[in-house]
């Protein structure tokens, strides 16, 4: 498990990645060639990985995303230390907060 701010990455064995996740279209990279796991709405900073791989994002914002890094990579953010990630599959979980009557994803 790896945590960077409001992002939690949990390793997932390849054979446990659901087919419906594998069938999702890859999320486009940003202008800097990064896979952005979460963008800070207030600061513009991003939790991002620039490495070979794929970010698969469900249309439901409360469903975890999945990240596939066939060669490993580094999770970077302007306000946190970089984290080296071994190759493999990861479930990307955004921290959530309770708001009376609902739950929402935490925003920087």
N, C-alpha and C. Protein backbone atom coordinates (compact mmCIF):
# COMPACT_ATOMS: atom_id res chain seq x y z
N UNK A 1 0.85 -1.17 0.00
CA UNK A 1 0.00 0.00 0.00
C UNK A 1 0.90 1.24 0.00
N UNK A 2 0.44 2.25 -0.72
CA UNK A 2 1.19 3.50 -0.81
C UNK A 2 0.21 4.64 -0.64
N UNK A 3 0.57 5.62 0.19
CA UNK A 3 -0.29 6.78 0.38
C UNK A 3 0.51 8.05 0.10
N UNK A 4 -0.13 8.95 -0.64
CA UNK A 4 0.45 10.27 -0.88
C UNK A 4 -0.69 11.27 -0.75
N UNK A 5 -0.73 12.00 0.36
CA UNK A 5 -1.82 12.93 0.60
C UNK A 5 -3.16 12.21 0.61
N UNK A 6 -4.08 12.66 -0.25
CA UNK A 6 -5.43 12.07 -0.27
C UNK A 6 -5.57 10.92 -1.26
N UNK A 7 -4.45 10.39 -1.75
CA UNK A 7 -4.44 9.26 -2.68
C UNK A 7 -3.88 8.02 -1.98
N UNK A 8 -4.57 6.90 -2.12
CA UNK A 8 -4.11 5.61 -1.61
C UNK A 8 -4.00 4.65 -2.80
N UNK A 9 -2.84 4.03 -2.96
CA UNK A 9 -2.64 3.02 -4.01
C UNK A 9 -2.51 1.66 -3.34
N UNK A 10 -3.34 0.72 -3.78
CA UNK A 10 -3.32 -0.64 -3.24
C UNK A 10 -2.98 -1.58 -4.38
N UNK A 11 -1.92 -2.39 -4.20
CA UNK A 11 -1.54 -3.35 -5.25
C UNK A 11 -2.62 -4.40 -5.42
N UNK A 12 -2.85 -4.75 -6.67
CA UNK A 12 -3.86 -5.75 -7.00
C UNK A 12 -3.19 -6.82 -7.86
N UNK A 13 -3.30 -8.10 -7.48
CA UNK A 13 -2.76 -9.15 -8.36
C UNK A 13 -3.43 -9.08 -9.73
N UNK A 14 -2.65 -9.30 -10.78
CA UNK A 14 -3.15 -9.17 -12.15
C UNK A 14 -4.40 -10.01 -12.40
N UNK A 15 -4.43 -11.21 -11.86
CA UNK A 15 -5.59 -12.08 -12.10
C UNK A 15 -6.84 -11.64 -11.34
N UNK A 16 -6.73 -10.64 -10.48
CA UNK A 16 -7.89 -10.13 -9.73
C UNK A 16 -8.42 -8.81 -10.29
N UNK A 17 -7.83 -8.33 -11.40
CA UNK A 17 -8.34 -7.11 -12.03
C UNK A 17 -9.56 -7.50 -12.85
N UNK A 18 -10.73 -6.94 -12.52
CA UNK A 18 -11.96 -7.35 -13.22
C UNK A 18 -11.92 -7.01 -14.71
N UNK A 19 -12.57 -7.82 -15.52
CA UNK A 19 -12.61 -7.59 -16.96
C UNK A 19 -13.26 -6.25 -17.28
N UNK A 20 -14.27 -5.86 -16.51
CA UNK A 20 -14.92 -4.57 -16.79
C UNK A 20 -13.96 -3.39 -16.58
N UNK A 21 -12.97 -3.56 -15.72
CA UNK A 21 -11.93 -2.53 -15.56
C UNK A 21 -11.02 -2.54 -16.78
N UNK A 22 -10.58 -3.72 -17.19
CA UNK A 22 -9.69 -3.83 -18.36
C UNK A 22 -10.34 -3.28 -19.63
N UNK A 23 -11.68 -3.34 -19.70
CA UNK A 23 -12.40 -2.87 -20.88
C UNK A 23 -12.62 -1.36 -20.91
N UNK A 24 -12.32 -0.65 -19.81
CA UNK A 24 -12.48 0.80 -19.80
C UNK A 24 -11.48 1.45 -20.75
N UNK A 25 -11.86 2.57 -21.38
CA UNK A 25 -10.90 3.27 -22.24
C UNK A 25 -9.83 3.93 -21.37
N UNK A 26 -8.57 3.96 -21.83
CA UNK A 26 -7.52 4.60 -21.04
C UNK A 26 -7.78 6.10 -20.90
N UNK A 27 -7.50 6.60 -19.72
CA UNK A 27 -7.63 8.03 -19.45
C UNK A 27 -6.51 8.76 -20.22
N UNK A 28 -6.82 9.86 -20.91
CA UNK A 28 -5.76 10.57 -21.63
C UNK A 28 -4.75 11.19 -20.67
N UNK A 29 -3.53 11.31 -21.15
CA UNK A 29 -2.47 11.96 -20.38
C UNK A 29 -2.61 13.47 -20.50
N UNK A 30 -2.04 14.19 -19.55
CA UNK A 30 -2.10 15.64 -19.61
C UNK A 30 -1.06 16.17 -20.61
N UNK A 31 -0.97 17.47 -20.74
CA UNK A 31 -0.05 18.09 -21.71
C UNK A 31 1.41 17.79 -21.41
N UNK A 32 1.71 17.40 -20.18
CA UNK A 32 3.09 17.06 -19.79
C UNK A 32 3.37 15.56 -19.90
N UNK A 33 2.41 14.80 -20.43
CA UNK A 33 2.61 13.37 -20.63
C UNK A 33 2.39 12.53 -19.39
N UNK A 34 1.72 13.08 -18.40
CA UNK A 34 1.51 12.39 -17.12
C UNK A 34 0.13 11.76 -17.04
N UNK A 35 0.01 10.69 -16.28
CA UNK A 35 -1.28 10.13 -15.90
C UNK A 35 -1.63 10.82 -14.58
N UNK A 36 -2.65 11.65 -14.58
CA UNK A 36 -3.03 12.43 -13.41
C UNK A 36 -4.06 11.65 -12.60
N UNK A 37 -3.65 11.22 -11.41
CA UNK A 37 -4.54 10.45 -10.53
C UNK A 37 -5.52 11.37 -9.82
N UNK A 38 -5.07 12.58 -9.46
CA UNK A 38 -5.92 13.57 -8.81
C UNK A 38 -5.32 14.93 -9.04
N UNK A 39 -6.18 15.88 -9.36
CA UNK A 39 -5.75 17.25 -9.62
C UNK A 39 -6.23 18.12 -8.48
N UNK A 40 -5.33 18.91 -7.92
CA UNK A 40 -5.70 19.84 -6.85
C UNK A 40 -6.48 21.00 -7.42
N UNK A 41 -7.74 21.10 -7.01
CA UNK A 41 -8.60 22.15 -7.56
C UNK A 41 -8.18 23.53 -7.10
N UNK A 42 -7.66 23.64 -5.88
CA UNK A 42 -7.28 24.95 -5.36
C UNK A 42 -5.88 25.36 -5.80
N UNK A 43 -4.95 24.39 -5.87
CA UNK A 43 -3.55 24.72 -6.14
C UNK A 43 -3.12 24.43 -7.56
N UNK A 44 -3.83 23.56 -8.26
CA UNK A 44 -3.40 23.15 -9.60
C UNK A 44 -2.33 22.07 -9.56
N UNK A 45 -1.87 21.69 -8.35
CA UNK A 45 -0.90 20.61 -8.22
C UNK A 45 -1.59 19.29 -8.52
N UNK A 46 -0.78 18.27 -8.85
CA UNK A 46 -1.37 16.99 -9.24
C UNK A 46 -0.61 15.82 -8.65
N UNK A 47 -1.34 14.77 -8.27
CA UNK A 47 -0.76 13.47 -7.97
C UNK A 47 -0.68 12.79 -9.34
N UNK A 48 0.52 12.56 -9.84
CA UNK A 48 0.66 12.10 -11.23
C UNK A 48 1.82 11.13 -11.38
N UNK A 49 1.70 10.29 -12.41
CA UNK A 49 2.74 9.31 -12.75
C UNK A 49 3.13 9.55 -14.21
N UNK A 50 4.44 9.69 -14.45
CA UNK A 50 4.93 9.80 -15.82
C UNK A 50 5.80 8.58 -16.06
N UNK A 51 5.19 7.56 -16.64
CA UNK A 51 5.85 6.28 -16.89
C UNK A 51 4.99 5.53 -17.90
N UNK A 52 5.55 4.50 -18.53
CA UNK A 52 4.70 3.66 -19.38
C UNK A 52 3.59 3.04 -18.54
N UNK A 53 2.39 3.04 -19.07
CA UNK A 53 1.29 2.46 -18.32
C UNK A 53 -0.03 3.03 -18.75
N UNK A 54 -1.06 2.67 -17.99
CA UNK A 54 -2.42 3.05 -18.31
C UNK A 54 -3.18 3.38 -17.04
N UNK A 55 -3.95 4.46 -17.09
CA UNK A 55 -4.87 4.80 -16.02
C UNK A 55 -6.28 4.54 -16.54
N UNK A 56 -7.03 3.71 -15.82
CA UNK A 56 -8.39 3.35 -16.21
C UNK A 56 -9.34 3.92 -15.18
N UNK A 57 -10.22 4.81 -15.63
CA UNK A 57 -11.09 5.55 -14.72
C UNK A 57 -12.56 5.24 -15.02
N UNK A 58 -13.27 4.85 -13.98
CA UNK A 58 -14.72 4.62 -14.08
C UNK A 58 -15.42 5.96 -14.14
N UNK A 59 -16.57 6.04 -14.81
CA UNK A 59 -17.31 7.29 -14.83
C UNK A 59 -17.88 7.69 -13.46
N UNK A 60 -17.99 6.73 -12.54
CA UNK A 60 -18.49 7.00 -11.19
C UNK A 60 -17.34 7.53 -10.34
N UNK A 61 -17.40 8.79 -9.86
CA UNK A 61 -16.28 9.36 -9.10
C UNK A 61 -16.00 8.66 -7.78
N UNK A 62 -16.95 7.86 -7.27
CA UNK A 62 -16.72 7.15 -6.01
C UNK A 62 -16.19 5.73 -6.22
N UNK A 63 -16.05 5.30 -7.48
CA UNK A 63 -15.49 3.99 -7.79
C UNK A 63 -13.98 4.15 -7.95
N UNK A 64 -13.18 3.28 -7.33
CA UNK A 64 -11.73 3.41 -7.47
C UNK A 64 -11.27 3.29 -8.93
N UNK A 65 -10.25 4.06 -9.26
CA UNK A 65 -9.60 3.94 -10.56
C UNK A 65 -8.59 2.80 -10.47
N UNK A 66 -8.05 2.40 -11.63
CA UNK A 66 -6.99 1.39 -11.67
C UNK A 66 -5.82 1.91 -12.49
N UNK A 67 -4.64 1.62 -12.03
CA UNK A 67 -3.40 2.05 -12.68
C UNK A 67 -2.59 0.81 -13.00
N UNK A 68 -2.14 0.69 -14.26
CA UNK A 68 -1.28 -0.42 -14.64
C UNK A 68 0.08 0.14 -15.03
N UNK A 69 1.11 -0.31 -14.33
CA UNK A 69 2.49 0.10 -14.59
C UNK A 69 3.31 -1.12 -14.98
N UNK A 70 3.48 -1.40 -16.28
CA UNK A 70 4.20 -2.60 -16.69
C UNK A 70 5.69 -2.56 -16.36
N UNK A 71 6.24 -1.37 -16.13
CA UNK A 71 7.67 -1.25 -15.81
C UNK A 71 7.92 -0.53 -14.50
N UNK A 72 6.88 -0.26 -13.75
CA UNK A 72 7.02 0.54 -12.53
C UNK A 72 6.96 2.02 -12.87
N UNK A 73 7.06 2.86 -11.85
CA UNK A 73 7.02 4.30 -12.06
C UNK A 73 7.18 5.04 -10.75
N UNK A 74 6.95 6.36 -10.83
CA UNK A 74 7.05 7.21 -9.64
C UNK A 74 5.80 8.06 -9.53
N UNK A 75 5.20 8.06 -8.35
CA UNK A 75 4.07 8.93 -8.06
C UNK A 75 4.64 10.24 -7.54
N UNK A 76 4.31 11.34 -8.21
CA UNK A 76 4.87 12.64 -7.84
C UNK A 76 3.77 13.64 -7.54
N UNK A 77 4.11 14.59 -6.68
CA UNK A 77 3.23 15.71 -6.33
C UNK A 77 4.14 16.83 -5.84
N UNK A 78 3.78 18.05 -6.17
CA UNK A 78 4.62 19.20 -5.83
C UNK A 78 4.82 19.40 -4.33
N UNK A 79 3.91 18.93 -3.50
CA UNK A 79 3.99 19.16 -2.06
C UNK A 79 4.33 17.90 -1.25
N UNK A 80 4.61 16.79 -1.93
CA UNK A 80 4.90 15.53 -1.23
C UNK A 80 6.16 14.90 -1.82
N UNK A 81 6.80 14.05 -1.04
CA UNK A 81 7.95 13.29 -1.55
C UNK A 81 7.46 12.30 -2.60
N UNK A 82 8.26 12.10 -3.65
CA UNK A 82 7.92 11.13 -4.70
C UNK A 82 7.96 9.72 -4.11
N UNK A 83 7.13 8.83 -4.67
CA UNK A 83 7.07 7.44 -4.22
C UNK A 83 7.37 6.55 -5.42
N UNK A 84 8.37 5.67 -5.28
CA UNK A 84 8.68 4.70 -6.33
C UNK A 84 7.69 3.55 -6.24
N UNK A 85 7.13 3.18 -7.39
CA UNK A 85 6.13 2.12 -7.45
C UNK A 85 6.66 0.95 -8.27
N UNK A 86 6.64 -0.25 -7.72
CA UNK A 86 7.02 -1.43 -8.51
C UNK A 86 6.01 -1.67 -9.63
N UNK A 87 6.44 -2.43 -10.62
CA UNK A 87 5.52 -2.76 -11.72
C UNK A 87 4.33 -3.53 -11.19
N UNK A 88 3.19 -3.37 -11.88
CA UNK A 88 2.00 -4.10 -11.49
C UNK A 88 0.74 -3.27 -11.64
N UNK A 89 -0.33 -3.79 -11.08
CA UNK A 89 -1.65 -3.15 -11.08
C UNK A 89 -1.90 -2.55 -9.72
N UNK A 90 -2.60 -1.39 -9.70
CA UNK A 90 -2.94 -0.69 -8.47
C UNK A 90 -4.38 -0.22 -8.52
N UNK A 91 -5.05 -0.32 -7.39
CA UNK A 91 -6.35 0.33 -7.23
C UNK A 91 -6.04 1.72 -6.67
N UNK A 92 -6.62 2.75 -7.29
CA UNK A 92 -6.38 4.14 -6.88
C UNK A 92 -7.61 4.62 -6.14
N UNK A 93 -7.43 4.90 -4.86
CA UNK A 93 -8.56 5.29 -4.02
C UNK A 93 -8.35 6.73 -3.55
N UNK A 94 -9.33 7.57 -3.82
CA UNK A 94 -9.32 8.95 -3.35
C UNK A 94 -9.99 9.01 -1.98
N UNK A 95 -9.40 9.78 -1.08
CA UNK A 95 -10.00 9.96 0.24
C UNK A 95 -11.37 10.61 0.06
N UNK A 96 -12.31 10.20 0.90
CA UNK A 96 -13.67 10.74 0.85
C UNK A 96 -13.99 11.39 2.17
N UNK A 97 -14.97 12.28 2.12
CA UNK A 97 -15.44 12.90 3.36
C UNK A 97 -16.96 12.90 3.38
N UNK A 98 -17.48 12.82 4.58
CA UNK A 98 -18.94 12.84 4.74
C UNK A 98 -19.40 14.28 4.76
N UNK A 99 -20.40 14.54 3.98
CA UNK A 99 -21.10 15.82 3.98
C UNK A 99 -22.54 15.46 4.28
N UNK A 100 -23.21 16.13 5.21
CA UNK A 100 -24.56 15.72 5.57
C UNK A 100 -25.41 15.37 4.36
N UNK A 101 -25.85 14.10 4.33
CA UNK A 101 -26.69 13.61 3.27
C UNK A 101 -25.94 12.97 2.11
N UNK A 102 -24.61 13.03 2.11
CA UNK A 102 -23.87 12.43 0.99
C UNK A 102 -22.40 12.22 1.37
N UNK A 103 -21.67 11.66 0.41
CA UNK A 103 -20.24 11.45 0.54
C UNK A 103 -19.61 12.08 -0.68
N UNK A 104 -18.46 12.74 -0.53
CA UNK A 104 -17.79 13.33 -1.69
C UNK A 104 -16.30 13.06 -1.63
N UNK A 105 -15.68 13.12 -2.78
CA UNK A 105 -14.24 12.94 -2.89
C UNK A 105 -13.56 14.19 -2.36
N UNK A 106 -12.50 14.02 -1.58
CA UNK A 106 -11.75 15.15 -1.03
C UNK A 106 -11.02 15.85 -2.16
N UNK A 107 -11.03 17.17 -2.15
CA UNK A 107 -10.31 17.98 -3.14
C UNK A 107 -9.24 18.78 -2.43
N UNK A 108 -8.05 18.88 -3.03
CA UNK A 108 -6.97 19.69 -2.46
C UNK A 108 -7.35 21.15 -2.44
